[in-house]
Amino acid sequence: MGISLRSRWVFLPLILALGALSLYILRLSLVHEGQPVPENPAPPEKKGPIYKEVHREIAPPLPEYFPLAAKAKSPADLPPIPSWNKPPEVHVPESTRLYIGFTRFWPLLQQVVVSYITAGWPPEDIYVVENTGTMDANRRGLLTIQNPFYLDYQRLTKLFGVNIITTSSLQTFAQLQNLFLSEAINNNLTHYFWSHMDVAVHPHEDKEDFKSLYMRAVDVVRETQQPDYLLDKETGKKGKWGQQFFAYDWLTMVNVETFANIGGWDTMVGYYGTDCDMYNRLSMNDYQQPIQDAGMIYDVTTSLEDLEILYRRRPKSEKRIRDSSDSKPDNSSVTSSNSAYLDSTEPDTRNSTRFHDLKATLEQIQQDKRDDKYRNSWQLRQNGGEGEPYYYDPDGFEKALQMTIEVGTKINEEKWGHKGCDIKKAGVKEGDQWKVEHDETFDKRKIRRRWF
């Protein structure tokens, strides 16, 4: 029986498909002709992370900014504090605890501590708050000086005689401020002082009514404790105070009760802007913030070349050196190198040429910081420490810090519905936090404030 014409047409698509497949196979064979077939074909390449190009220059080793301290074995090896700045032999009745927070750059911390001590502040009243996030690594001497978080624990405690409080983890500026407040509350303090670490202080030696920086600070404490302090004689109403400013907040005296009453610092605003929030809230609650003067306070970005200058010694004349050699002073507790230094120098006089030279040097360092587009460039001068305990990539730390600063600034703007530090002037009051819409400052062309 033959196949009908209609049945033949049914097989046509199948024949065409088989033909196309044959042509495709033939073409593949021609393409790969002459190419060897690998016996063990390589597995498909796995894609990994794409790394950034790193162009980090290793910072030069930090110099020793206090050679006498490096050689000293005990406090007796250091020069004596200038006689006109020595604190009373018996501590004043008033509490004068001073907190200094530290995260990075040891030379500035050493300088601020030495400057307060030589300005008369009792070392036992100074508390360095080590906020490095490196646990006990500094206490155990496990970090090198090129590590940004390094500090010389033994020099601070054994040689300078100050105290160290180590935070359990890295704190923001606002968290650190609340730690100061918490320490004060736990120690039943009515007030305390705190200072930035990137400052250097010195008393007004050229004033006729001279007092050391420390004793002027004590005078402020005593002033606030007077029954008629901030008393309006016309109304009989007594004012309230929140803090005492010495050169803005580079040195500040805090009223513990006041800060506790307004809830402490807002830790959601971690860094820049948190001062605007706190100081405006104090003002909104009618707490006064007087400006005081205890001495010269310089905003600095580097250390003096040799901190010995703060002890105000001057070279002896040759005759004086011979005379002192004949008298054979007892320097048995002093190292040989420091003994030679102490034997060849003598105390300077107050308001001398050396004082004015020191003042000019500190003024120039402060001006250099003001002229620096990135005023906190000192925070980037150490980038070592890789492989040491709790190591954190320095560039990554700085980037994360700036991102955190930016977020905190935006939080503060949203909190008050206002951009800028003039929060109270914008018309908001205590209780308006997070309840007001954006004001006209959000409509203006965005001008980014350099908080750092």
Protein backbone atom coordinates (compact mmCIF):
# COMPACT_ATOMS: atom_id res chain seq x y z
CA MET A 1 0.00 0.00 0.00
CA GLY A 2 1.64 3.35 -1.08
CA ILE A 3 2.03 6.54 1.04
CA SER A 4 -0.39 9.26 0.04
CA LEU A 5 0.79 12.74 -0.93
CA ARG A 6 -0.71 14.23 2.25
CA SER A 7 1.28 11.76 4.45
CA ARG A 8 4.56 12.73 2.76
CA TRP A 9 4.03 16.38 3.69
CA VAL A 10 3.77 15.38 7.36
CA PHE A 11 7.46 14.27 7.40
CA LEU A 12 8.77 17.47 5.81
CA PRO A 13 9.28 19.53 9.08
CA LEU A 14 11.10 16.58 10.64
CA ILE A 15 13.44 16.28 7.67
CA LEU A 16 14.20 20.05 7.76
CA ALA A 17 14.95 19.97 11.52
CA LEU A 18 17.34 17.04 11.12
CA GLY A 19 19.10 18.92 8.34
CA ALA A 20 19.56 22.07 10.43
CA LEU A 21 20.95 20.06 13.32
CA SER A 22 23.44 18.33 11.03
CA LEU A 23 24.66 21.68 9.65
CA TYR A 24 25.15 23.06 13.23
CA ILE A 25 27.19 20.02 14.31
CA LEU A 26 29.32 20.27 11.16
CA ARG A 27 30.03 23.94 11.85
CA LEU A 28 31.12 23.26 15.44
CA SER A 29 33.51 20.57 14.28
CA LEU A 30 35.10 22.96 11.76
CA VAL A 31 35.53 25.69 14.41
CA HIS A 32 37.32 23.39 16.85
CA GLU A 33 39.29 21.50 14.19
CA GLY A 34 42.97 21.40 15.05
CA GLN A 35 42.49 22.42 18.68
CA PRO A 36 43.58 19.83 21.23
CA VAL A 37 40.96 18.61 23.61
CA PRO A 38 42.24 18.94 27.25
CA GLU A 39 42.36 15.69 29.11
CA ASN A 40 41.34 17.37 32.42
CA PRO A 41 39.37 20.53 31.64
CA ALA A 42 39.93 23.33 34.25
CA PRO A 43 36.96 24.12 36.50
CA PRO A 44 35.24 27.41 35.85
CA GLU A 45 37.12 30.38 37.41
CA LYS A 46 35.65 31.55 40.70
CA LYS A 47 35.20 35.30 41.12
CA GLY A 48 36.74 36.78 44.32
CA PRO A 49 36.70 40.24 45.88
CA ILE A 50 38.13 43.13 43.91
CA TYR A 51 40.64 44.93 46.13
CA LYS A 52 41.15 48.67 46.23
CA GLU A 53 44.46 50.18 45.26
CA VAL A 54 46.23 51.16 48.46
CA HIS A 55 48.76 53.99 48.27
CA ARG A 56 49.57 54.38 51.95
CA GLU A 57 52.84 56.03 52.84
CA ILE A 58 54.27 54.84 56.11
CA ALA A 59 54.53 57.83 58.44
CA PRO A 60 58.05 58.58 59.71
CA PRO A 61 58.82 57.45 63.27
CA LEU A 62 57.62 59.86 65.92
CA PRO A 63 60.40 61.74 67.68
CA GLU A 64 60.77 61.78 71.45
CA TYR A 65 59.21 65.06 72.58
CA PHE A 66 60.37 64.74 76.18
CA PRO A 67 63.90 63.24 76.30
CA LEU A 68 64.25 63.87 80.04
CA ALA A 69 61.18 61.75 80.72
CA ALA A 70 62.49 59.01 78.44
CA LYS A 71 65.64 58.77 80.56
CA ALA A 72 63.95 59.22 83.92
CA LYS A 73 63.45 56.32 86.30
CA SER A 74 61.35 58.15 88.90
CA PRO A 75 59.57 61.50 89.34
CA ALA A 76 62.70 62.80 91.06
CA ASP A 77 64.48 62.63 87.72
CA LEU A 78 62.20 65.33 86.30
CA PRO A 79 62.71 69.04 86.85
CA PRO A 80 60.68 70.58 89.68
CA ILE A 81 57.48 72.43 88.84
CA PRO A 82 58.09 76.21 88.57
CA SER A 83 57.97 77.59 92.12
CA TRP A 84 55.29 80.15 91.27
CA ASN A 85 52.98 77.37 90.01
CA LYS A 86 53.38 74.78 92.74
CA PRO A 87 50.04 73.68 94.21
CA PRO A 88 49.56 73.96 97.99
CA GLU A 89 51.37 71.25 99.94
CA VAL A 90 48.04 70.36 101.54
CA HIS A 91 45.32 69.90 98.94
CA VAL A 92 42.69 72.63 98.84
CA PRO A 93 39.37 71.62 100.48
CA GLU A 94 37.59 71.85 97.12
CA SER A 95 37.52 68.94 94.66
CA THR A 96 39.42 69.65 91.45
CA ARG A 97 39.17 66.43 89.49
CA LEU A 98 40.14 66.89 85.82
CA TYR A 99 39.22 64.42 83.05
CA ILE A 100 41.14 64.30 79.77
CA GLY A 101 39.90 61.92 77.08
CA PHE A 102 42.36 60.22 74.72
CA THR A 103 41.92 58.18 71.56
CA ARG A 104 44.79 58.92 69.16
CA PHE A 105 48.21 60.61 68.97
CA TRP A 106 50.26 60.21 72.14
CA PRO A 107 52.46 63.34 71.72
CA LEU A 108 49.50 65.68 72.23
CA LEU A 109 48.26 63.75 75.26
CA GLN A 110 51.70 63.90 76.86
CA GLN A 111 51.90 67.62 76.16
CA VAL A 112 48.51 68.49 77.65
CA VAL A 113 49.21 66.43 80.78
CA VAL A 114 52.64 68.02 81.33
CA SER A 115 51.24 71.50 80.66
CA TYR A 116 48.53 71.08 83.32
CA ILE A 117 51.04 69.68 85.84
CA THR A 118 53.53 72.50 85.27
CA ALA A 119 50.64 75.00 85.49
CA GLY A 120 50.02 73.75 89.03
CA TRP A 121 47.31 71.11 88.66
CA PRO A 122 47.96 68.29 91.16
CA PRO A 123 48.81 65.12 89.20
CA GLU A 124 46.66 62.99 91.50
CA ASP A 125 43.61 65.01 90.38
CA ILE A 126 44.19 64.35 86.68
CA TYR A 127 42.36 61.39 85.14
CA VAL A 128 43.30 60.36 81.61
CA VAL A 129 40.41 58.41 80.11
CA GLU A 130 41.99 55.99 77.67
CA ASN A 131 39.38 55.63 74.95
CA THR A 132 41.35 53.60 72.40
CA GLY A 133 39.33 50.41 72.17
CA THR A 134 42.50 48.38 72.83
CA MET A 135 41.47 46.99 76.23
CA ASP A 136 44.60 46.42 78.37
CA ALA A 137 47.12 46.49 75.51
CA ASN A 138 48.68 49.82 76.55
CA ARG A 139 48.84 48.85 80.20
CA ARG A 140 50.72 45.69 79.20
CA GLY A 141 52.99 47.60 76.79
CA LEU A 142 51.84 45.66 73.72
CA LEU A 143 51.49 48.60 71.31
CA THR A 144 54.31 50.41 69.52
CA ILE A 145 54.61 54.17 69.29
CA GLN A 146 53.62 54.15 65.59
CA ASN A 147 50.24 52.72 66.53
CA PRO A 148 47.67 55.58 66.59
CA PHE A 149 46.20 54.23 69.83
CA TYR A 150 49.52 53.99 71.68
CA LEU A 151 50.11 55.75 74.98
CA ASP A 152 52.93 55.34 77.48
CA TYR A 153 51.02 53.90 80.44
CA GLN A 154 54.02 53.68 82.73
CA ARG A 155 55.19 57.22 82.03
CA LEU A 156 51.75 58.65 82.78
CA THR A 157 51.18 56.73 86.00
CA LYS A 158 54.65 56.12 87.47
CA LEU A 159 56.51 59.21 86.27
CA PHE A 160 53.87 61.93 85.95
CA GLY A 161 51.68 60.48 88.71
CA VAL A 162 48.31 60.82 86.95
CA ASN A 163 45.46 58.32 86.90
CA ILE A 164 44.18 56.29 83.94
CA ILE A 165 40.66 55.01 83.37
CA THR A 166 40.39 52.60 80.44
CA THR A 167 37.07 52.32 78.62
CA SER A 168 35.79 48.84 77.83
CA SER A 169 35.33 49.76 74.17
CA LEU A 170 35.73 52.74 71.89
CA GLN A 171 33.35 55.54 72.92
CA THR A 172 32.00 58.43 70.88
CA PHE A 173 32.57 61.95 72.15
CA ALA A 174 29.06 62.09 73.64
CA GLN A 175 29.47 58.70 75.30
CA LEU A 176 32.79 59.80 76.75
CA GLN A 177 31.17 62.92 78.19
CA ASN A 178 28.51 60.78 79.86
CA LEU A 179 31.28 58.61 81.26
CA PHE A 180 32.82 61.70 82.89
CA LEU A 181 29.39 62.54 84.31
CA SER A 182 28.82 58.98 85.53
CA GLU A 183 32.23 58.88 87.23
CA ALA A 184 31.44 62.14 88.98
CA ILE A 185 28.05 60.90 90.16
CA ASN A 186 29.53 57.62 91.41
CA ASN A 187 32.19 59.54 93.34
CA ASN A 188 29.67 61.98 94.86
CA LEU A 189 31.20 65.00 93.14
CA THR A 190 29.22 68.21 92.80
CA HIS A 191 31.41 69.42 89.96
CA TYR A 192 34.38 68.38 87.84
CA PHE A 193 36.65 69.72 85.12
CA TRP A 194 37.30 68.24 81.69
CA SER A 195 39.73 69.24 78.98
CA HIS A 196 40.34 68.53 75.34
CA MET A 197 43.58 66.65 74.73
CA ASP A 198 44.66 68.82 71.79
CA VAL A 199 45.36 71.90 73.90
CA ALA A 200 48.29 73.28 75.88
CA VAL A 201 47.80 75.49 78.92
CA HIS A 202 49.93 78.08 80.68
CA PRO A 203 49.25 80.67 83.40
CA HIS A 204 49.23 84.43 82.88
CA GLU A 205 52.74 85.09 84.13
CA ASP A 206 52.59 88.69 82.97
CA LYS A 207 49.65 89.69 85.20
CA GLU A 208 50.32 91.74 88.32
CA ASP A 209 47.77 89.81 90.35
CA PHE A 210 49.45 86.54 89.40
CA LYS A 211 48.02 83.19 90.34
CA SER A 212 48.74 79.82 88.79
CA LEU A 213 46.22 78.43 86.32
CA TYR A 214 45.22 75.86 88.91
CA MET A 215 44.59 78.36 91.69
CA ARG A 216 42.52 80.54 89.35
CA ALA A 217 40.42 77.46 88.59
CA VAL A 218 40.06 76.88 92.34
CA ASP A 219 38.88 80.49 92.69
CA VAL A 220 36.10 79.76 90.19
CA VAL A 221 35.02 76.72 92.22
CA ARG A 222 34.89 78.87 95.35
CA GLU A 223 32.98 81.59 93.54
CA THR A 224 30.23 79.16 92.47
CA GLN A 225 29.87 77.95 96.06
CA GLN A 226 29.07 81.40 97.46
CA PRO A 227 25.47 81.85 98.64
CA ASP A 228 25.03 85.00 96.53
CA TYR A 229 26.50 83.53 93.34
CA LEU A 230 24.31 84.59 90.35
CA LEU A 231 21.93 86.31 92.75
CA ASP A 232 19.92 89.12 91.18
CA LYS A 233 19.90 91.80 93.90
CA GLU A 234 16.89 93.58 92.42
CA THR A 235 14.60 90.57 92.17
CA GLY A 236 16.24 88.39 94.81
CA LYS A 237 16.14 85.53 92.32
CA LYS A 238 19.15 83.24 92.25
CA GLY A 239 20.35 82.10 88.85
CA LYS A 240 21.37 78.57 87.95
CA TRP A 241 24.60 77.57 86.24
CA GLY A 242 25.37 74.59 84.04
CA GLN A 243 29.06 74.92 83.27
CA GLN A 244 31.95 77.35 83.37
CA PHE A 245 33.81 77.90 80.10
CA PHE A 246 37.56 78.54 79.99
CA ALA A 247 38.30 79.39 76.34
CA TYR A 248 35.03 77.87 75.07
CA ASP A 249 35.05 74.24 76.24
CA TRP A 250 38.77 73.58 75.80
CA LEU A 251 38.71 73.55 79.62
CA THR A 252 35.31 73.30 81.27
CA MET A 253 33.93 73.04 84.79
CA VAL A 254 30.68 71.04 84.91
CA ASN A 255 27.82 71.27 87.40
CA VAL A 256 26.98 67.60 87.98
CA GLU A 257 23.40 68.18 89.18
CA THR A 258 22.59 70.38 86.20
CA PHE A 259 23.88 67.94 83.59
CA ALA A 260 22.02 65.09 85.27
CA ASN A 261 18.81 67.14 85.38
CA ILE A 262 18.72 67.64 81.62
CA GLY A 263 19.52 64.01 80.87
CA GLY A 264 23.20 64.15 80.04
CA TRP A 265 24.58 64.16 76.53
CA ASP A 266 22.58 62.80 73.59
CA THR A 267 24.59 59.76 72.51
CA MET A 268 22.65 59.54 69.24
CA VAL A 269 24.62 62.63 68.21
CA GLY A 270 28.03 61.09 68.73
CA TYR A 271 30.51 63.75 67.72
CA TYR A 272 30.27 67.21 66.15
CA GLY A 273 26.93 68.81 66.84
CA THR A 274 26.49 67.13 70.20
CA ASP A 275 28.00 70.21 71.87
CA CYS A 276 25.48 72.41 70.05
CA ASP A 277 22.68 70.16 71.32
CA MET A 278 23.89 70.09 74.92
CA TYR A 279 24.76 73.76 75.27
CA ASN A 280 21.49 74.88 73.65
CA ARG A 281 19.49 72.60 75.97
CA LEU A 282 21.26 74.16 78.96
CA SER A 283 20.28 77.59 77.70
CA MET A 284 16.69 76.52 77.01
CA ASN A 285 16.44 75.38 80.63
CA ASP A 286 17.77 78.74 81.89
CA TYR A 287 21.13 77.40 83.01
CA GLN A 288 23.84 80.03 82.67
CA GLN A 289 27.23 79.17 81.14
CA PRO A 290 29.65 81.87 82.32
CA ILE A 291 33.00 82.49 80.64
CA GLN A 292 35.99 82.42 82.98
CA ASP A 293 39.71 83.03 82.63
CA ALA A 294 42.24 80.83 84.40
CA GLY A 295 45.13 81.22 82.00
CA MET A 296 46.21 80.85 78.40
CA ILE A 297 44.72 77.83 76.64
CA TYR A 298 45.99 77.07 73.16
CA ASP A 299 44.31 74.90 70.53
CA VAL A 300 47.26 72.96 69.09
CA THR A 301 48.02 70.42 66.42
CA THR A 302 51.53 69.38 67.36
CA SER A 303 53.82 69.11 70.35
CA LEU A 304 56.53 71.48 71.45
CA GLU A 305 59.90 70.09 70.35
CA ASP A 306 60.94 69.46 73.96
CA LEU A 307 58.47 69.60 76.84
CA GLU A 308 61.30 70.48 79.20
CA ILE A 309 60.58 74.09 78.25
CA LEU A 310 57.36 73.95 80.29
CA TYR A 311 59.40 73.46 83.48
CA ARG A 312 60.98 76.88 82.92
CA ARG A 313 64.66 76.17 83.51
CA ARG A 314 67.53 78.27 82.21
CA PRO A 315 71.25 77.51 81.84
CA LYS A 316 73.53 78.49 84.70
CA SER A 317 76.50 80.70 84.09
CA GLU A 318 79.91 78.96 84.14
CA LYS A 319 80.59 80.43 87.60
CA ARG A 320 77.32 79.10 88.94
CA ILE A 321 78.10 75.67 87.50
CA ARG A 322 81.47 75.67 89.31
CA ASP A 323 79.83 76.85 92.52
CA SER A 324 77.18 74.15 92.35
CA SER A 325 79.88 71.54 91.68
CA ASP A 326 81.76 72.64 94.80
CA SER A 327 78.63 72.34 96.92
CA LYS A 328 78.11 68.76 95.71
CA PRO A 329 74.30 68.55 95.83
CA ASP A 330 72.73 65.21 96.64
CA ASN A 331 71.43 63.80 93.34
CA SER A 332 71.59 60.15 94.35
CA SER A 333 68.00 59.58 93.24
CA VAL A 334 68.54 61.19 89.84
CA THR A 335 69.88 59.44 86.75
CA SER A 336 73.35 60.53 85.67
CA SER A 337 72.20 62.24 82.48
CA ASN A 338 69.37 64.10 84.20
CA SER A 339 71.63 64.96 87.10
CA ALA A 340 73.95 66.73 84.70
CA TYR A 341 71.03 68.65 83.27
CA LEU A 342 69.72 69.70 86.69
CA ASP A 343 73.21 70.69 87.84
CA SER A 344 73.73 72.87 84.75
CA THR A 345 70.37 74.66 84.92
CA GLU A 346 68.47 76.74 87.44
CA PRO A 347 64.87 77.93 87.83
CA ASP A 348 63.85 80.72 85.51
CA THR A 349 62.01 83.78 86.79
CA ARG A 350 58.34 84.50 86.24
CA ASN A 351 57.45 86.68 83.22
CA SER A 352 60.94 86.30 81.78
CA THR A 353 62.07 86.43 78.16
CA ARG A 354 61.75 82.65 78.04
CA PHE A 355 58.09 82.94 79.03
CA HIS A 356 57.39 85.32 76.17
CA ASP A 357 59.30 83.07 73.76
CA LEU A 358 57.20 80.11 74.88
CA LYS A 359 54.03 82.15 74.51
CA ALA A 360 54.98 83.15 70.95
CA THR A 361 55.73 79.53 70.04
CA LEU A 362 52.38 78.28 71.31
CA GLU A 363 50.56 81.11 69.54
CA GLN A 364 52.24 80.11 66.27
CA ILE A 365 51.29 76.44 66.74
CA GLN A 366 47.70 77.53 67.33
CA GLN A 367 47.74 79.72 64.22
CA ASP A 368 49.12 76.84 62.15
CA LYS A 369 46.14 74.75 63.24
CA ARG A 370 43.71 77.49 62.27
CA ASP A 371 45.34 77.77 58.85
CA ASP A 372 45.14 74.00 58.26
CA LYS A 373 42.15 73.15 56.03
CA TYR A 374 41.80 69.91 57.95
CA ARG A 375 42.30 71.23 61.49
CA ASN A 376 42.51 67.76 63.03
CA SER A 377 45.19 66.47 60.67
CA TRP A 378 47.21 65.49 63.76
CA GLN A 379 44.88 62.49 64.10
CA LEU A 380 46.34 60.99 60.90
CA ARG A 381 50.05 61.14 61.70
CA GLN A 382 50.37 57.54 62.87
CA ASN A 383 49.40 54.62 60.64
CA GLY A 384 51.41 51.72 62.05
CA GLY A 385 50.56 48.92 64.41
CA GLU A 386 49.52 46.24 61.96
CA GLY A 387 49.62 42.85 63.64
CA GLU A 388 49.35 44.32 67.13
CA PRO A 389 46.43 43.59 69.49
CA TYR A 390 43.09 45.16 68.49
CA TYR A 391 44.61 46.56 65.29
CA TYR A 392 42.24 48.68 63.20
CA ASP A 393 43.16 49.87 59.72
CA PRO A 394 43.96 53.60 60.20
CA ASP A 395 42.40 54.69 56.90
CA GLY A 396 39.33 52.60 57.60
CA PHE A 397 39.07 54.06 61.09
CA GLU A 398 39.16 57.61 59.75
CA LYS A 399 36.59 56.85 57.05
CA ALA A 400 34.25 55.17 59.54
CA LEU A 401 34.69 58.10 61.94
CA GLN A 402 33.77 60.67 59.30
CA MET A 403 30.72 58.63 58.29
CA THR A 404 29.64 58.44 61.94
CA ILE A 405 30.15 62.20 62.33
CA GLU A 406 28.01 62.84 59.26
CA VAL A 407 25.20 60.63 60.52
CA GLY A 408 25.26 62.30 63.95
CA THR A 409 25.05 65.74 62.35
CA LYS A 410 22.00 64.70 60.34
CA ILE A 411 20.36 63.21 63.45
CA ASN A 412 20.81 66.50 65.30
CA GLU A 413 19.28 68.41 62.37
CA GLU A 414 16.28 66.10 62.33
CA LYS A 415 15.96 66.29 66.11
CA TRP A 416 15.51 70.05 66.06
CA GLY A 417 14.25 70.60 62.49
CA HIS A 418 17.11 73.05 62.03
CA LYS A 419 20.54 73.08 60.44
CA GLY A 420 23.28 74.85 62.37
CA CYS A 421 24.28 75.47 65.97
CA ASP A 422 21.93 78.41 66.64
CA ILE A 423 19.15 76.07 67.74
CA LYS A 424 17.55 78.19 70.45
CA LYS A 425 17.58 81.27 68.22
CA ALA A 426 15.50 79.29 65.73
CA GLY A 427 12.62 79.51 68.21
CA VAL A 428 12.53 75.93 69.46
CA LYS A 429 12.40 75.12 73.16
CA GLU A 430 12.92 72.20 75.51
CA GLY A 431 10.36 69.53 74.64
CA ASP A 432 10.32 70.32 70.91
CA GLN A 433 12.85 67.60 70.13
CA TRP A 434 11.65 65.42 67.24
CA LYS A 435 8.34 67.31 67.08
CA VAL A 436 9.02 70.14 64.64
CA GLU A 437 9.10 70.23 60.84
CA HIS A 438 12.13 71.35 58.87
CA ASP A 439 12.63 75.11 58.96
CA GLU A 440 13.97 77.37 56.21
CA THR A 441 17.56 76.23 56.79
CA PHE A 442 16.69 73.00 54.95
CA ASP A 443 15.50 74.98 51.92
CA LYS A 444 18.69 76.91 51.44
CA ARG A 445 21.43 75.71 49.13
CA LYS A 446 23.27 73.04 51.08
CA ILE A 447 26.47 74.36 52.61
CA ARG A 448 28.33 71.62 54.41
CA ARG A 449 29.86 72.75 57.68
CA ARG A 450 33.35 71.48 58.33
CA TRP A 451 32.81 70.02 61.79
CA PHE A 452 36.28 68.55 61.82
